[in-house]
Amino acid sequence: MKIETKFDVGDEVWVVERSYAENKYYANSSIIWMLNINVYVKEKANIGYCLRDYYGRCFYDNELFPTEDEAEFECIRLNEILEREKRGE
């Protein structure tokens, strides 16, 4: 079985986080410091990425962005949803 990862140890990635105090999403960068790979039956692998400063939490491909621009675009999309929810739409 060959396992390919989207990111590698030492890569800088971007995470979209929600600030409940400000009620908005923002992008934050971090460095991958460990890969967590679980292999299941029928050659299915679950790949998690442990980030510096996020101890005890594992992120997955759909939660990480390779560039700040991509993360900011996701923040804009999510913040627009929050604004619509505030207006009751």
PDB file of N, CA and C in Angstrom:
ATOM      1  N   MET A   1       0.852  -1.177   0.000  1.00  0.00           N
ATOM      2  CA  MET A   1       0.000   0.000   0.000  1.00  0.00           C
ATOM      3  C   MET A   1       0.894   1.235   0.000  1.00  0.00           C
ATOM      4  N   LYS A   2       0.609   2.145  -0.889  1.00  0.00           N
ATOM      5  CA  LYS A   2       1.343   3.401  -0.953  1.00  0.00           C
ATOM      6  C   LYS A   2       0.442   4.509  -0.419  1.00  0.00           C
ATOM      7  N   ILE A   3       0.971   5.296   0.518  1.00  0.00           N
ATOM      8  CA  ILE A   3       0.202   6.381   1.115  1.00  0.00           C
ATOM      9  C   ILE A   3       0.821   7.701   0.680  1.00  0.00           C
ATOM     10  N   GLU A   4       0.000   8.533   0.069  1.00  0.00           N
ATOM     11  CA  GLU A   4       0.458   9.853  -0.354  1.00  0.00           C
ATOM     12  C   GLU A   4      -0.254  10.910   0.488  1.00  0.00           C
ATOM     13  N   THR A   5       0.513  11.887   0.938  1.00  0.00           N
ATOM     14  CA  THR A   5      -0.053  12.945   1.762  1.00  0.00           C
ATOM     15  C   THR A   5      -0.071  14.248   0.969  1.00  0.00           C
ATOM     16  N   LYS A   6      -0.998  15.105   1.318  1.00  0.00           N
ATOM     17  CA  LYS A   6      -1.105  16.409   0.664  1.00  0.00           C
ATOM     18  C   LYS A   6      -0.012  17.346   1.167  1.00  0.00           C
ATOM     19  N   PHE A   7       0.349  17.210   2.450  1.00  0.00           N
ATOM     20  CA  PHE A   7       1.372  18.036   3.083  1.00  0.00           C
ATOM     21  C   PHE A   7       2.412  17.140   3.724  1.00  0.00           C
ATOM     22  N   ASP A   8       3.539  17.732   4.122  1.00  0.00           N
ATOM     23  CA  ASP A   8       4.621  16.984   4.745  1.00  0.00           C
ATOM     24  C   ASP A   8       5.072  17.697   6.019  1.00  0.00           C
ATOM     25  N   VAL A   9       5.807  16.990   6.845  1.00  0.00           N
ATOM     26  CA  VAL A   9       6.349  17.582   8.064  1.00  0.00           C
ATOM     27  C   VAL A   9       7.235  18.770   7.696  1.00  0.00           C
ATOM     28  N   GLY A  10       7.039  19.872   8.394  1.00  0.00           N
ATOM     29  CA  GLY A  10       7.809  21.084   8.134  1.00  0.00           C
ATOM     30  C   GLY A  10       7.119  22.066   7.210  1.00  0.00           C
ATOM     31  N   ASP A  11       6.035  21.648   6.552  1.00  0.00           N
ATOM     32  CA  ASP A  11       5.300  22.544   5.661  1.00  0.00           C
ATOM     33  C   ASP A  11       4.533  23.593   6.466  1.00  0.00           C
ATOM     34  N   GLU A  12       4.494  24.810   5.937  1.00  0.00           N
ATOM     35  CA  GLU A  12       3.633  25.839   6.519  1.00  0.00           C
ATOM     36  C   GLU A  12       2.261  25.692   5.889  1.00  0.00           C
ATOM     37  N   VAL A  13       1.238  25.648   6.727  1.00  0.00           N
ATOM     38  CA  VAL A  13      -0.142  25.537   6.257  1.00  0.00           C
ATOM     39  C   VAL A  13      -0.975  26.614   6.950  1.00  0.00           C
ATOM     40  N   TRP A  14      -2.169  26.807   6.437  1.00  0.00           N
ATOM     41  CA  TRP A  14      -3.087  27.817   6.972  1.00  0.00           C
ATOM     42  C   TRP A  14      -4.348  27.141   7.470  1.00  0.00           C
ATOM     43  N   VAL A  15      -4.806  27.575   8.638  1.00  0.00           N
ATOM     44  CA  VAL A  15      -5.995  27.031   9.285  1.00  0.00           C
ATOM     45  C   VAL A  15      -7.023  28.151   9.409  1.00  0.00           C
ATOM     46  N   VAL A  16      -8.276  27.825   9.156  1.00  0.00           N
ATOM     47  CA  VAL A  16      -9.364  28.779   9.357  1.00  0.00           C
ATOM     48  C   VAL A  16      -9.947  28.515  10.733  1.00  0.00           C
ATOM     49  N   GLU A  17      -9.955  29.561  11.562  1.00  0.00           N
ATOM     50  CA  GLU A  17     -10.461  29.436  12.928  1.00  0.00           C
ATOM     51  C   GLU A  17     -11.589  30.435  13.153  1.00  0.00           C
ATOM     52  N   ARG A  18     -12.442  30.101  14.099  1.00  0.00           N
ATOM     53  CA  ARG A  18     -13.536  31.008  14.434  1.00  0.00           C
ATOM     54  C   ARG A  18     -13.248  31.694  15.763  1.00  0.00           C
ATOM     55  N   SER A  19     -13.376  32.992  15.765  1.00  0.00           N
ATOM     56  CA  SER A  19     -13.275  33.776  16.994  1.00  0.00           C
ATOM     57  C   SER A  19     -14.699  34.008  17.491  1.00  0.00           C
ATOM     58  N   TYR A  20     -15.052  33.386  18.589  1.00  0.00           N
ATOM     59  CA  TYR A  20     -16.404  33.546  19.117  1.00  0.00           C
ATOM     60  C   TYR A  20     -16.574  34.916  19.770  1.00  0.00           C
ATOM     61  N   ALA A  21     -15.480  35.488  20.274  1.00  0.00           N
ATOM     62  CA  ALA A  21     -15.550  36.821  20.876  1.00  0.00           C
ATOM     63  C   ALA A  21     -15.901  37.871  19.824  1.00  0.00           C
ATOM     64  N   GLU A  22     -15.289  37.745  18.640  1.00  0.00           N
ATOM     65  CA  GLU A  22     -15.541  38.700  17.555  1.00  0.00           C
ATOM     66  C   GLU A  22     -16.598  38.206  16.587  1.00  0.00           C
ATOM     67  N   ASN A  23     -17.004  36.944  16.728  1.00  0.00           N
ATOM     68  CA  ASN A  23     -17.989  36.311  15.858  1.00  0.00           C
ATOM     69  C   ASN A  23     -17.603  36.414  14.385  1.00  0.00           C
ATOM     70  N   LYS A  24     -16.356  35.985  14.099  1.00  0.00           N
ATOM     71  CA  LYS A  24     -15.906  35.944  12.713  1.00  0.00           C
ATOM     72  C   LYS A  24     -14.806  34.907  12.554  1.00  0.00           C
ATOM     73  N   TYR A  25     -14.541  34.543  11.307  1.00  0.00           N
ATOM     74  CA  TYR A  25     -13.482  33.595  10.984  1.00  0.00           C
ATOM     75  C   TYR A  25     -12.235  34.348  10.557  1.00  0.00           C
ATOM     76  N   TYR A  26     -11.087  33.780  10.870  1.00  0.00           N
ATOM     77  CA  TYR A  26      -9.817  34.359  10.464  1.00  0.00           C
ATOM     78  C   TYR A  26      -8.829  33.237  10.135  1.00  0.00           C
ATOM     79  N   ALA A  27      -7.792  33.566   9.381  1.00  0.00           N
ATOM     80  CA  ALA A  27      -6.775  32.590   8.972  1.00  0.00           C
ATOM     81  C   ALA A  27      -5.550  32.711   9.869  1.00  0.00           C
ATOM     82  N   ASN A  28      -4.981  31.567  10.208  1.00  0.00           N
ATOM     83  CA  ASN A  28      -3.798  31.520  11.050  1.00  0.00           C
ATOM     84  C   ASN A  28      -2.831  30.493  10.456  1.00  0.00           C
ATOM     85  N   SER A  29      -1.550  30.826  10.432  1.00  0.00           N
ATOM     86  CA  SER A  29      -0.575  29.887   9.874  1.00  0.00           C
ATOM     87  C   SER A  29       0.057  29.052  10.977  1.00  0.00           C
ATOM     88  N   SER A  30       0.521  27.871  10.593  1.00  0.00           N
ATOM     89  CA  SER A  30       1.214  26.990  11.514  1.00  0.00           C
ATOM     90  C   SER A  30       2.109  26.050  10.708  1.00  0.00           C
ATOM     91  N   ILE A  31       2.931  25.315  11.406  1.00  0.00           N
ATOM     92  CA  ILE A  31       3.863  24.366  10.787  1.00  0.00           C
ATOM     93  C   ILE A  31       3.441  22.952  11.178  1.00  0.00           C
ATOM     94  N   ILE A  32       3.448  22.049  10.202  1.00  0.00           N
ATOM     95  CA  ILE A  32       3.141  20.645  10.481  1.00  0.00           C
ATOM     96  C   ILE A  32       4.346  20.036  11.196  1.00  0.00           C
ATOM     97  N   TRP A  33       4.111  19.444  12.351  1.00  0.00           N
ATOM     98  CA  TRP A  33       5.215  18.850  13.076  1.00  0.00           C
ATOM     99  C   TRP A  33       5.094  17.337  13.214  1.00  0.00           C
ATOM    100  N   MET A  34       3.923  16.760  12.828  1.00  0.00           N
ATOM    101  CA  MET A  34       3.776  15.312  12.903  1.00  0.00           C
ATOM    102  C   MET A  34       2.621  14.862  12.011  1.00  0.00           C
ATOM    103  N   LEU A  35       2.776  13.696  11.392  1.00  0.00           N
ATOM    104  CA  LEU A  35       1.698  13.070  10.626  1.00  0.00           C
ATOM    105  C   LEU A  35       1.123  11.942  11.465  1.00  0.00           C
ATOM    106  N   ASN A  36      -0.185  11.803  11.425  1.00  0.00           N
ATOM    107  CA  ASN A  36      -0.875  10.743  12.147  1.00  0.00           C
ATOM    108  C   ASN A  36      -1.635   9.935  11.102  1.00  0.00           C
ATOM    109  N   ILE A  37      -1.130   8.747  10.792  1.00  0.00           N
ATOM    110  CA  ILE A  37      -1.724   7.929   9.731  1.00  0.00           C
ATOM    111  C   ILE A  37      -2.311   6.669  10.341  1.00  0.00           C
ATOM    112  N   ASN A  38      -3.612   6.466  10.097  1.00  0.00           N
ATOM    113  CA  ASN A  38      -4.302   5.259  10.534  1.00  0.00           C
ATOM    114  C   ASN A  38      -4.722   4.495   9.291  1.00  0.00           C
ATOM    115  N   VAL A  39      -4.352   3.220   9.229  1.00  0.00           N
ATOM    116  CA  VAL A  39      -4.706   2.390   8.088  1.00  0.00           C
ATOM    117  C   VAL A  39      -5.779   1.399   8.529  1.00  0.00           C
ATOM    118  N   TYR A  40      -6.860   1.339   7.746  1.00  0.00           N
ATOM    119  CA  TYR A  40      -7.978   0.472   8.044  1.00  0.00           C
ATOM    120  C   TYR A  40      -8.053  -0.647   7.009  1.00  0.00           C
ATOM    121  N   VAL A  41      -9.000  -1.537   7.196  1.00  0.00           N
ATOM    122  CA  VAL A  41      -9.187  -2.632   6.254  1.00  0.00           C
ATOM    123  C   VAL A  41      -9.486  -2.094   4.860  1.00  0.00           C
ATOM    124  N   LYS A  42      -9.256  -2.897   3.879  1.00  0.00           N
ATOM    125  CA  LYS A  42      -9.471  -2.554   2.474  1.00  0.00           C
ATOM    126  C   LYS A  42      -8.612  -1.365   2.051  1.00  0.00           C
ATOM    127  N   GLU A  43      -7.442  -1.238   2.662  1.00  0.00           N
ATOM    128  CA  GLU A  43      -6.445  -0.238   2.280  1.00  0.00           C
ATOM    129  C   GLU A  43      -6.966   1.199   2.327  1.00  0.00           C
ATOM    130  N   LYS A  44      -7.782   1.492   3.292  1.00  0.00           N
ATOM    131  CA  LYS A  44      -8.256   2.863   3.478  1.00  0.00           C
ATOM    132  C   LYS A  44      -7.406   3.514   4.558  1.00  0.00           C
ATOM    133  N   ALA A  45      -6.838   4.676   4.239  1.00  0.00           N
ATOM    134  CA  ALA A  45      -5.981   5.386   5.190  1.00  0.00           C
ATOM    135  C   ALA A  45      -6.624   6.712   5.582  1.00  0.00           C
ATOM    136  N   ASN A  46      -6.491   7.048   6.836  1.00  0.00           N
ATOM    137  CA  ASN A  46      -6.961   8.317   7.368  1.00  0.00           C
ATOM    138  C   ASN A  46      -5.712   9.091   7.782  1.00  0.00           C
ATOM    139  N   ILE A  47      -5.452  10.232   7.128  1.00  0.00           N
ATOM    140  CA  ILE A  47      -4.230  10.984   7.361  1.00  0.00           C
ATOM    141  C   ILE A  47      -4.562  12.259   8.114  1.00  0.00           C
ATOM    142  N   GLY A  48      -3.961  12.408   9.269  1.00  0.00           N
ATOM    143  CA  GLY A  48      -4.136  13.607  10.080  1.00  0.00           C
ATOM    144  C   GLY A  48      -2.812  14.337  10.208  1.00  0.00           C
ATOM    145  N   TYR A  49      -2.896  15.633  10.411  1.00  0.00           N
ATOM    146  CA  TYR A  49      -1.708  16.476  10.535  1.00  0.00           C
ATOM    147  C   TYR A  49      -1.737  17.163  11.899  1.00  0.00           C
ATOM    148  N   CYS A  50      -0.684  16.981  12.667  1.00  0.00           N
ATOM    149  CA  CYS A  50      -0.555  17.662  13.951  1.00  0.00           C
ATOM    150  C   CYS A  50       0.263  18.926  13.724  1.00  0.00           C
ATOM    151  N   LEU A  51      -0.245  20.042  14.213  1.00  0.00           N
ATOM    152  CA  LEU A  51       0.378  21.338  13.975  1.00  0.00           C
ATOM    153  C   LEU A  51       1.019  21.883  15.250  1.00  0.00           C
ATOM    154  N   ARG A  52       2.089  22.638  15.048  1.00  0.00           N
ATOM    155  CA  ARG A  52       2.721  23.315  16.172  1.00  0.00           C
ATOM    156  C   ARG A  52       1.703  24.297  16.773  1.00  0.00           C
ATOM    157  N   ASP A  53       1.655  24.390  18.070  1.00  0.00           N
ATOM    158  CA  ASP A  53       0.749  25.261  18.828  1.00  0.00           C
ATOM    159  C   ASP A  53      -0.696  24.773  18.851  1.00  0.00           C
ATOM    160  N   TYR A  54      -0.987  23.599  18.318  1.00  0.00           N
ATOM    161  CA  TYR A  54      -2.332  23.016  18.364  1.00  0.00           C
ATOM    162  C   TYR A  54      -2.227  21.608  18.968  1.00  0.00           C
ATOM    163  N   TYR A  55      -1.692  21.506  20.156  1.00  0.00           N
ATOM    164  CA  TYR A  55      -1.454  20.215  20.783  1.00  0.00           C
ATOM    165  C   TYR A  55      -2.768  19.538  21.132  1.00  0.00           C
ATOM    166  N   GLY A  56      -2.830  18.237  20.842  1.00  0.00           N
ATOM    167  CA  GLY A  56      -4.019  17.466  21.157  1.00  0.00           C
ATOM    168  C   GLY A  56      -5.088  17.507  20.088  1.00  0.00           C
ATOM    169  N   ARG A  57      -4.831  18.184  18.989  1.00  0.00           N
ATOM    170  CA  ARG A  57      -5.812  18.249  17.900  1.00  0.00           C
ATOM    171  C   ARG A  57      -5.142  17.852  16.595  1.00  0.00           C
ATOM    172  N   CYS A  58      -5.857  17.089  15.820  1.00  0.00           N
ATOM    173  CA  CYS A  58      -5.365  16.636  14.527  1.00  0.00           C
ATOM    174  C   CYS A  58      -6.228  17.272  13.436  1.00  0.00           C
ATOM    175  N   PHE A  59      -5.592  17.785  12.397  1.00  0.00           N
ATOM    176  CA  PHE A  59      -6.307  18.399  11.285  1.00  0.00           C
ATOM    177  C   PHE A  59      -6.259  17.467  10.076  1.00  0.00           C
ATOM    178  N   TYR A  60      -7.226  17.619   9.195  1.00  0.00           N
ATOM    179  CA  TYR A  60      -7.305  16.784   8.000  1.00  0.00           C
ATOM    180  C   TYR A  60      -7.210  17.657   6.755  1.00  0.00           C
ATOM    181  N   ASP A  61      -7.025  17.017   5.600  1.00  0.00           N
ATOM    182  CA  ASP A  61      -6.815  17.747   4.339  1.00  0.00           C
ATOM    183  C   ASP A  61      -7.834  18.851   4.108  1.00  0.00           C
ATOM    184  N   ASN A  62      -9.102  18.579   4.408  1.00  0.00           N
ATOM    185  CA  ASN A  62     -10.148  19.567   4.133  1.00  0.00           C
ATOM    186  C   ASN A  62     -10.147  20.740   5.110  1.00  0.00           C
ATOM    187  N   GLU A  63      -9.331  20.670   6.157  1.00  0.00           N
ATOM    188  CA  GLU A  63      -9.258  21.757   7.146  1.00  0.00           C
ATOM    189  C   GLU A  63      -8.019  22.633   6.976  1.00  0.00           C
ATOM    190  N   LEU A  64      -7.126  22.243   6.091  1.00  0.00           N
ATOM    191  CA  LEU A  64      -5.866  22.960   5.909  1.00  0.00           C
ATOM    192  C   LEU A  64      -5.772  23.549   4.508  1.00  0.00           C
ATOM    193  N   PHE A  65      -5.083  24.670   4.410  1.00  0.00           N
ATOM    194  CA  PHE A  65      -4.919  25.360   3.134  1.00  0.00           C
ATOM    195  C   PHE A  65      -3.430  25.608   2.895  1.00  0.00           C
ATOM    196  N   PRO A  66      -2.986  25.405   1.663  1.00  0.00           N
ATOM    197  CA  PRO A  66      -1.558  25.581   1.373  1.00  0.00           C
ATOM    198  C   PRO A  66      -1.113  27.037   1.305  1.00  0.00           C
ATOM    199  N   THR A  67      -2.046  27.966   1.034  1.00  0.00           N
ATOM    200  CA  THR A  67      -1.668  29.375   0.916  1.00  0.00           C
ATOM    201  C   THR A  67      -2.584  30.245   1.757  1.00  0.00           C
ATOM    202  N   GLU A  68      -2.084  31.407   2.102  1.00  0.00           N
ATOM    203  CA  GLU A  68      -2.877  32.362   2.869  1.00  0.00           C
ATOM    204  C   GLU A  68      -4.082  32.831   2.061  1.00  0.00           C
ATOM    205  N   ASP A  69      -3.897  33.017   0.753  1.00  0.00           N
ATOM    206  CA  ASP A  69      -5.005  33.478  -0.095  1.00  0.00           C
ATOM    207  C   ASP A  69      -6.180  32.505  -0.074  1.00  0.00           C
ATOM    208  N   GLU A  70      -5.890  31.213  -0.150  1.00  0.00           N
ATOM    209  CA  GLU A  70      -6.959  30.219  -0.128  1.00  0.00           C
ATOM    210  C   GLU A  70      -7.678  30.230   1.226  1.00  0.00           C
ATOM    211  N   ALA A  71      -6.923  30.364   2.302  1.00  0.00           N
ATOM    212  CA  ALA A  71      -7.532  30.415   3.631  1.00  0.00           C
ATOM    213  C   ALA A  71      -8.370  31.677   3.797  1.00  0.00           C
ATOM    214  N   GLU A  72      -7.873  32.807   3.308  1.00  0.00           N
ATOM    215  CA  GLU A  72      -8.628  34.061   3.393  1.00  0.00           C
ATOM    216  C   GLU A  72      -9.921  33.979   2.587  1.00  0.00           C
ATOM    217  N   PHE A  73      -9.877  33.333   1.432  1.00  0.00           N
ATOM    218  CA  PHE A  73     -11.078  33.159   0.616  1.00  0.00           C
ATOM    219  C   PHE A  73     -12.129  32.349   1.383  1.00  0.00           C
ATOM    220  N   GLU A  74     -11.675  31.300   2.075  1.00  0.00           N
ATOM    221  CA  GLU A  74     -12.599  30.500   2.886  1.00  0.00           C
ATOM    222  C   GLU A  74     -13.159  31.323   4.045  1.00  0.00           C
ATOM    223  N   CYS A  75     -12.339  32.179   4.658  1.00  0.00           N
ATOM    224  CA  CYS A  75     -12.810  33.065   5.730  1.00  0.00           C
ATOM    225  C   CYS A  75     -13.897  34.004   5.221  1.00  0.00           C
ATOM    226  N   ILE A  76     -13.686  34.566   4.053  1.00  0.00           N
ATOM    227  CA  ILE A  76     -14.682  35.465   3.458  1.00  0.00           C
ATOM    228  C   ILE A  76     -16.000  34.725   3.254  1.00  0.00           C
ATOM    229  N   ARG A  77     -15.926  33.506   2.719  1.00  0.00           N
ATOM    230  CA  ARG A  77     -17.125  32.708   2.482  1.00  0.00           C
ATOM    231  C   ARG A  77     -17.862  32.427   3.789  1.00  0.00           C
ATOM    232  N   LEU A  78     -17.123  32.006   4.810  1.00  0.00           N
ATOM    233  CA  LEU A  78     -17.748  31.677   6.097  1.00  0.00           C
ATOM    234  C   LEU A  78     -18.275  32.922   6.812  1.00  0.00           C
ATOM    235  N   ASN A  79     -17.559  34.033   6.710  1.00  0.00           N
ATOM    236  CA  ASN A  79     -18.031  35.270   7.335  1.00  0.00           C
ATOM    237  C   ASN A  79     -19.299  35.790   6.667  1.00  0.00           C
ATOM    238  N   GLU A  80     -19.434  35.585   5.358  1.00  0.00           N
ATOM    239  CA  GLU A  80     -20.668  35.961   4.671  1.00  0.00           C
ATOM    240  C   GLU A  80     -21.839  35.134   5.177  1.00  0.00           C
ATOM    241  N   ILE A  81     -21.603  33.861   5.451  1.00  0.00           N
ATOM    242  CA  ILE A  81     -22.657  33.003   6.010  1.00  0.00           C
ATOM    243  C   ILE A  81     -23.059  33.508   7.392  1.00  0.00           C
ATOM    244  N   LEU A  82     -22.075  33.873   8.220  1.00  0.00           N
ATOM    245  CA  LEU A  82     -22.385  34.416   9.543  1.00  0.00           C
ATOM    246  C   LEU A  82     -23.219  35.684   9.441  1.00  0.00           C
ATOM    247  N   GLU A  83     -22.881  36.557   8.500  1.00  0.00           N
ATOM    248  CA  GLU A  83     -23.633  37.799   8.319  1.00  0.00           C
ATOM    249  C   GLU A  83     -25.077  37.522   7.917  1.00  0.00           C
ATOM    250  N   ARG A  84     -25.278  36.558   7.005  1.00  0.00           N
ATOM    251  CA  ARG A  84     -26.641  36.195   6.603  1.00  0.00           C
ATOM    252  C   ARG A  84     -27.422  35.627   7.782  1.00  0.00           C
ATOM    253  N   GLU A  85     -26.764  34.815   8.608  1.00  0.00           N
ATOM    254  CA  GLU A  85     -27.431  34.261   9.783  1.00  0.00           C
ATOM    255  C   GLU A  85     -27.827  35.354  10.764  1.00  0.00           C
ATOM    256  N   LYS A  86     -26.987  36.372  10.926  1.00  0.00           N
ATOM    257  CA  LYS A  86     -27.304  37.509  11.814  1.00  0.00           C
ATOM    258  C   LYS A  86     -28.541  38.244  11.344  1.00  0.00           C
ATOM    259  N   ARG A  87     -28.660  38.375  10.008  1.00  0.00           N
ATOM    260  CA  ARG A  87     -29.817  39.078   9.435  1.00  0.00           C
ATOM    261  C   ARG A  87     -31.061  38.195   9.398  1.00  0.00           C
ATOM    262  N   GLY A  88     -30.918  36.911   9.729  1.00  0.00           N
ATOM    263  CA  GLY A  88     -32.058  36.007   9.739  1.00  0.00           C
ATOM    264  C   GLY A  88     -32.394  35.443   8.378  1.00  0.00           C
ATOM    265  N   GLU A  89     -31.468  35.469   7.479  1.00  0.00           N
ATOM    266  CA  GLU A  89     -31.721  34.931   6.126  1.00  0.00           C
ATOM    267  C   GLU A  89     -31.502  33.443   6.089  1.00  0.00           C
TER     268      GLU A  89
END
